[in-house]
Amino acid sequence: MTFDLRSGNVISIDDTISQINALFLDTAPVIYFVENNPQYFHLVEPFYAALDKQLITAVTSPITLVECLYYPYRQKDRRLVQAFQSLLIHGPQTLFVPTSAPISDQAAQLRVAYNLRMADSLQIATAILAGCDSFLTNDKQLKRVSELKIVVVDELTR
């Protein structure tokens, strides 16, 4: 379940997923899934199962890819590099959206409106312009963004 701070309601992961059409995948939830993180895998796996079942569409960006590939390249772990690339670039129901001038402009406006870091503003702008209704992250500070629903992994329970 997840607790919606705005409404005060408790919502299950399944109910959360049922309200999503297009989900932006921020870096941490992707790493949790691909690396089978013992603390978080069970919380993010239902979102990827929904992708496999074609219940939702995912959107990613070059920032997600760069951040996910940093550690595997540093460790020279080619298998992990391929796993991230396969999921983020070629995953089922996944749209990889390159950064563009309109995304950059939207990101600048979001930085001003919410005092976001550049990477976060680009991620949120990509999600908005790609038509996402939700943003899966583990960064609670992004909940101040009101343009789309921010789903924080740490607030999810099964």
C-alpha atoms as a PDB file:
ATOM      1  CA  MET A   1       0.000   0.000   0.000  1.00  0.00           C
ATOM      2  CA  THR A   2       0.970   3.605  -0.368  1.00  0.00           C
ATOM      3  CA  PHE A   3      -0.144   6.511   1.790  1.00  0.00           C
ATOM      4  CA  ASP A   4      -1.175   9.554  -0.199  1.00  0.00           C
ATOM      5  CA  LEU A   5      -0.086  12.568   1.867  1.00  0.00           C
ATOM      6  CA  ARG A   6      -2.285  14.943  -0.122  1.00  0.00           C
ATOM      7  CA  SER A   7      -5.549  13.066   0.418  1.00  0.00           C
ATOM      8  CA  GLY A   8      -4.645  11.106   3.562  1.00  0.00           C
ATOM      9  CA  ASN A   9      -5.807   7.881   1.897  1.00  0.00           C
ATOM     10  CA  VAL A  10      -4.016   4.545   1.916  1.00  0.00           C
ATOM     11  CA  ILE A  11      -3.781   3.069  -1.590  1.00  0.00           C
ATOM     12  CA  SER A  12      -2.478  -0.403  -2.460  1.00  0.00           C
ATOM     13  CA  ILE A  13       0.297  -0.865  -5.018  1.00  0.00           C
ATOM     14  CA  ASP A  14      -2.236  -2.562  -7.310  1.00  0.00           C
ATOM     15  CA  ASP A  15      -4.622   0.392  -6.960  1.00  0.00           C
ATOM     16  CA  THR A  16      -1.742   2.774  -7.637  1.00  0.00           C
ATOM     17  CA  ILE A  17      -0.826   0.860 -10.794  1.00  0.00           C
ATOM     18  CA  SER A  18      -4.462   0.734 -11.910  1.00  0.00           C
ATOM     19  CA  GLN A  19      -4.494   4.554 -11.926  1.00  0.00           C
ATOM     20  CA  ILE A  20      -1.407   4.813 -14.158  1.00  0.00           C
ATOM     21  CA  ASN A  21      -1.344   4.960 -17.934  1.00  0.00           C
ATOM     22  CA  ALA A  22       2.200   6.230 -18.495  1.00  0.00           C
ATOM     23  CA  LEU A  23       4.880   5.989 -15.802  1.00  0.00           C
ATOM     24  CA  PHE A  24       8.243   7.739 -15.838  1.00  0.00           C
ATOM     25  CA  LEU A  25      11.016   5.556 -14.394  1.00  0.00           C
ATOM     26  CA  ASP A  26      13.477   7.546 -12.309  1.00  0.00           C
ATOM     27  CA  THR A  27      16.899   6.017 -11.686  1.00  0.00           C
ATOM     28  CA  ALA A  28      16.586   4.428  -8.231  1.00  0.00           C
ATOM     29  CA  PRO A  29      13.570   2.197  -8.988  1.00  0.00           C
ATOM     30  CA  VAL A  30      15.286   0.913 -12.135  1.00  0.00           C
ATOM     31  CA  ILE A  31      18.425   0.025 -10.177  1.00  0.00           C
ATOM     32  CA  TYR A  32      16.330  -1.653  -7.457  1.00  0.00           C
ATOM     33  CA  PHE A  33      14.657  -3.839 -10.076  1.00  0.00           C
ATOM     34  CA  VAL A  34      17.633  -4.740 -12.270  1.00  0.00           C
ATOM     35  CA  GLU A  35      19.954  -5.401  -9.322  1.00  0.00           C
ATOM     36  CA  ASN A  36      17.229  -7.236  -7.384  1.00  0.00           C
ATOM     37  CA  ASN A  37      17.695  -4.984  -4.340  1.00  0.00           C
ATOM     38  CA  PRO A  38      16.633  -6.974  -1.244  1.00  0.00           C
ATOM     39  CA  GLN A  39      15.017  -3.964   0.430  1.00  0.00           C
ATOM     40  CA  TYR A  40      13.083  -2.580  -2.533  1.00  0.00           C
ATOM     41  CA  PHE A  41      12.661  -5.234  -5.249  1.00  0.00           C
ATOM     42  CA  HIS A  42       9.308  -6.458  -3.917  1.00  0.00           C
ATOM     43  CA  LEU A  43       8.006  -2.876  -3.994  1.00  0.00           C
ATOM     44  CA  VAL A  44       9.017  -2.044  -7.562  1.00  0.00           C
ATOM     45  CA  GLU A  45       8.491  -5.434  -9.218  1.00  0.00           C
ATOM     46  CA  PRO A  46       4.697  -4.985  -9.567  1.00  0.00           C
ATOM     47  CA  PHE A  47       5.288  -1.921 -11.771  1.00  0.00           C
ATOM     48  CA  TYR A  48       7.542  -3.942 -14.097  1.00  0.00           C
ATOM     49  CA  ALA A  49       5.035  -6.812 -14.101  1.00  0.00           C
ATOM     50  CA  ALA A  50       2.389  -4.304 -15.223  1.00  0.00           C
ATOM     51  CA  LEU A  51       4.721  -3.260 -18.053  1.00  0.00           C
ATOM     52  CA  ASP A  52       5.171  -6.879 -19.108  1.00  0.00           C
ATOM     53  CA  LYS A  53       1.395  -7.347 -19.094  1.00  0.00           C
ATOM     54  CA  GLN A  54       1.032  -4.158 -21.188  1.00  0.00           C
ATOM     55  CA  LEU A  55      -1.148  -2.540 -18.525  1.00  0.00           C
ATOM     56  CA  ILE A  56       1.026   0.585 -18.445  1.00  0.00           C
ATOM     57  CA  THR A  57       3.690   2.257 -20.559  1.00  0.00           C
ATOM     58  CA  ALA A  58       7.054   3.370 -19.182  1.00  0.00           C
ATOM     59  CA  VAL A  59       9.103   6.387 -20.184  1.00  0.00           C
ATOM     60  CA  THR A  60      12.830   6.823 -19.543  1.00  0.00           C
ATOM     61  CA  SER A  61      15.466   9.377 -20.469  1.00  0.00           C
ATOM     62  CA  PRO A  62      19.187   9.653 -21.145  1.00  0.00           C
ATOM     63  CA  ILE A  63      19.637  10.806 -17.536  1.00  0.00           C
ATOM     64  CA  THR A  64      18.154   7.573 -16.190  1.00  0.00           C
ATOM     65  CA  LEU A  65      20.394   5.592 -18.538  1.00  0.00           C
ATOM     66  CA  VAL A  66      23.573   7.511 -17.636  1.00  0.00           C
ATOM     67  CA  GLU A  67      22.927   7.208 -13.900  1.00  0.00           C
ATOM     68  CA  CYS A  68      22.131   3.488 -14.164  1.00  0.00           C
ATOM     69  CA  LEU A  69      25.221   2.731 -16.265  1.00  0.00           C
ATOM     70  CA  TYR A  70      27.742   4.611 -14.118  1.00  0.00           C
ATOM     71  CA  TYR A  71      28.380   1.869 -11.549  1.00  0.00           C
ATOM     72  CA  PRO A  72      28.376  -1.076 -13.998  1.00  0.00           C
ATOM     73  CA  TYR A  73      30.886   0.663 -16.262  1.00  0.00           C
ATOM     74  CA  ARG A  74      33.019   1.571 -13.277  1.00  0.00           C
ATOM     75  CA  GLN A  75      32.968  -2.077 -12.173  1.00  0.00           C
ATOM     76  CA  LYS A  76      33.459  -3.302 -15.762  1.00  0.00           C
ATOM     77  CA  ASP A  77      30.292  -5.367 -15.403  1.00  0.00           C
ATOM     78  CA  ARG A  78      29.218  -5.833 -19.025  1.00  0.00           C
ATOM     79  CA  ARG A  79      26.296  -8.090 -18.061  1.00  0.00           C
ATOM     80  CA  LEU A  80      24.781  -5.348 -15.897  1.00  0.00           C
ATOM     81  CA  VAL A  81      25.391  -2.721 -18.593  1.00  0.00           C
ATOM     82  CA  GLN A  82      23.446  -4.879 -21.057  1.00  0.00           C
ATOM     83  CA  ALA A  83      20.650  -5.481 -18.532  1.00  0.00           C
ATOM     84  CA  PHE A  84      20.134  -1.742 -18.008  1.00  0.00           C
ATOM     85  CA  GLN A  85      20.344  -0.957 -21.727  1.00  0.00           C
ATOM     86  CA  SER A  86      17.918  -3.738 -22.573  1.00  0.00           C
ATOM     87  CA  LEU A  87      15.350  -2.530 -20.052  1.00  0.00           C
ATOM     88  CA  LEU A  88      15.660   1.220 -20.612  1.00  0.00           C
ATOM     89  CA  ILE A  89      16.138   1.375 -24.363  1.00  0.00           C
ATOM     90  CA  HIS A  90      14.431  -1.795 -25.624  1.00  0.00           C
ATOM     91  CA  GLY A  91      12.145  -2.803 -22.755  1.00  0.00           C
ATOM     92  CA  PRO A  92       8.563  -3.869 -23.367  1.00  0.00           C
ATOM     93  CA  GLN A  93       6.169  -0.957 -23.313  1.00  0.00           C
ATOM     94  CA  THR A  94       9.140   1.395 -22.717  1.00  0.00           C
ATOM     95  CA  LEU A  95       9.714   4.652 -24.549  1.00  0.00           C
ATOM     96  CA  PHE A  96      13.232   6.143 -24.407  1.00  0.00           C
ATOM     97  CA  VAL A  97      12.840   9.918 -24.842  1.00  0.00           C
ATOM     98  CA  PRO A  98      15.941  11.920 -25.829  1.00  0.00           C
ATOM     99  CA  THR A  99      16.420  15.378 -24.379  1.00  0.00           C
ATOM    100  CA  SER A 100      15.195  18.146 -26.674  1.00  0.00           C
ATOM    101  CA  ALA A 101      14.846  21.927 -26.758  1.00  0.00           C
ATOM    102  CA  PRO A 102      11.215  21.806 -25.505  1.00  0.00           C
ATOM    103  CA  ILE A 103      12.235  19.481 -22.648  1.00  0.00           C
ATOM    104  CA  SER A 104      15.106  21.821 -21.754  1.00  0.00           C
ATOM    105  CA  ASP A 105      12.765  24.825 -21.737  1.00  0.00           C
ATOM    106  CA  GLN A 106      10.226  23.004 -19.541  1.00  0.00           C
ATOM    107  CA  ALA A 107      13.051  21.887 -17.243  1.00  0.00           C
ATOM    108  CA  ALA A 108      14.212  25.469 -16.770  1.00  0.00           C
ATOM    109  CA  GLN A 109      10.670  26.527 -15.833  1.00  0.00           C
ATOM    110  CA  LEU A 110      10.414  23.643 -13.349  1.00  0.00           C
ATOM    111  CA  ARG A 111      13.784  24.561 -11.801  1.00  0.00           C
ATOM    112  CA  VAL A 112      12.468  28.063 -11.169  1.00  0.00           C
ATOM    113  CA  ALA A 113       9.052  26.940  -9.914  1.00  0.00           C
ATOM    114  CA  TYR A 114      10.282  24.175  -7.568  1.00  0.00           C
ATOM    115  CA  ASN A 115      13.969  24.937  -6.999  1.00  0.00           C
ATOM    116  CA  LEU A 116      14.905  21.557  -8.476  1.00  0.00           C
ATOM    117  CA  ARG A 117      18.357  20.289  -9.351  1.00  0.00           C
ATOM    118  CA  MET A 118      19.047  20.268 -13.085  1.00  0.00           C
ATOM    119  CA  ALA A 119      18.878  16.472 -13.479  1.00  0.00           C
ATOM    120  CA  ASP A 120      15.588  16.302 -11.561  1.00  0.00           C
ATOM    121  CA  SER A 121      14.088  19.138 -13.595  1.00  0.00           C
ATOM    122  CA  LEU A 122      15.055  17.387 -16.843  1.00  0.00           C
ATOM    123  CA  GLN A 123      13.558  14.108 -15.614  1.00  0.00           C
ATOM    124  CA  ILE A 124      10.270  15.743 -14.586  1.00  0.00           C
ATOM    125  CA  ALA A 125      10.110  17.790 -17.811  1.00  0.00           C
ATOM    126  CA  THR A 126      10.660  14.648 -19.878  1.00  0.00           C
ATOM    127  CA  ALA A 127       7.869  12.904 -17.987  1.00  0.00           C
ATOM    128  CA  ILE A 128       5.453  15.791 -18.471  1.00  0.00           C
ATOM    129  CA  LEU A 129       6.153  16.325 -22.169  1.00  0.00           C
ATOM    130  CA  ALA A 130       6.015  12.565 -22.843  1.00  0.00           C
ATOM    131  CA  GLY A 131       2.506  12.499 -21.373  1.00  0.00           C
ATOM    132  CA  CYS A 132       3.235  10.612 -18.167  1.00  0.00           C
ATOM    133  CA  ASP A 133       0.648  10.804 -15.424  1.00  0.00           C
ATOM    134  CA  SER A 134       2.986   9.344 -12.767  1.00  0.00           C
ATOM    135  CA  PHE A 135       6.656   9.451 -11.828  1.00  0.00           C
ATOM    136  CA  LEU A 136       8.246   6.503  -9.951  1.00  0.00           C
ATOM    137  CA  THR A 137      11.142   7.629  -7.774  1.00  0.00           C
ATOM    138  CA  ASN A 138      12.586   7.312  -4.303  1.00  0.00           C
ATOM    139  CA  ASP A 139      13.194  11.037  -3.918  1.00  0.00           C
ATOM    140  CA  LYS A 140      10.577  12.361  -1.483  1.00  0.00           C
ATOM    141  CA  GLN A 141      11.529  15.952  -2.246  1.00  0.00           C
ATOM    142  CA  LEU A 142      10.007  15.611  -5.707  1.00  0.00           C
ATOM    143  CA  LYS A 143       6.539  15.312  -4.148  1.00  0.00           C
ATOM    144  CA  ARG A 144       6.336  19.106  -4.214  1.00  0.00           C
ATOM    145  CA  VAL A 145       5.908  18.898  -7.994  1.00  0.00           C
ATOM    146  CA  SER A 146       2.196  19.066  -8.752  1.00  0.00           C
ATOM    147  CA  GLU A 147       2.126  18.534 -12.525  1.00  0.00           C
ATOM    148  CA  LEU A 148       2.020  14.743 -12.174  1.00  0.00           C
ATOM    149  CA  LYS A 149       1.625  12.120  -9.455  1.00  0.00           C
ATOM    150  CA  ILE A 150       4.916  11.379  -7.702  1.00  0.00           C
ATOM    151  CA  VAL A 151       5.078   7.772  -6.459  1.00  0.00           C
ATOM    152  CA  VAL A 152       7.817   7.351  -3.837  1.00  0.00           C
ATOM    153  CA  VAL A 153       9.108   3.806  -3.362  1.00  0.00           C
ATOM    154  CA  ASP A 154       9.811   4.320   0.354  1.00  0.00           C
ATOM    155  CA  GLU A 155       6.112   5.119   0.854  1.00  0.00           C
ATOM    156  CA  LEU A 156       4.987   1.845  -0.730  1.00  0.00           C
ATOM    157  CA  THR A 157       4.151  -1.290   1.224  1.00  0.00           C
ATOM    158  CA  ARG A 158       2.877  -4.668   0.079  1.00  0.00           C
END
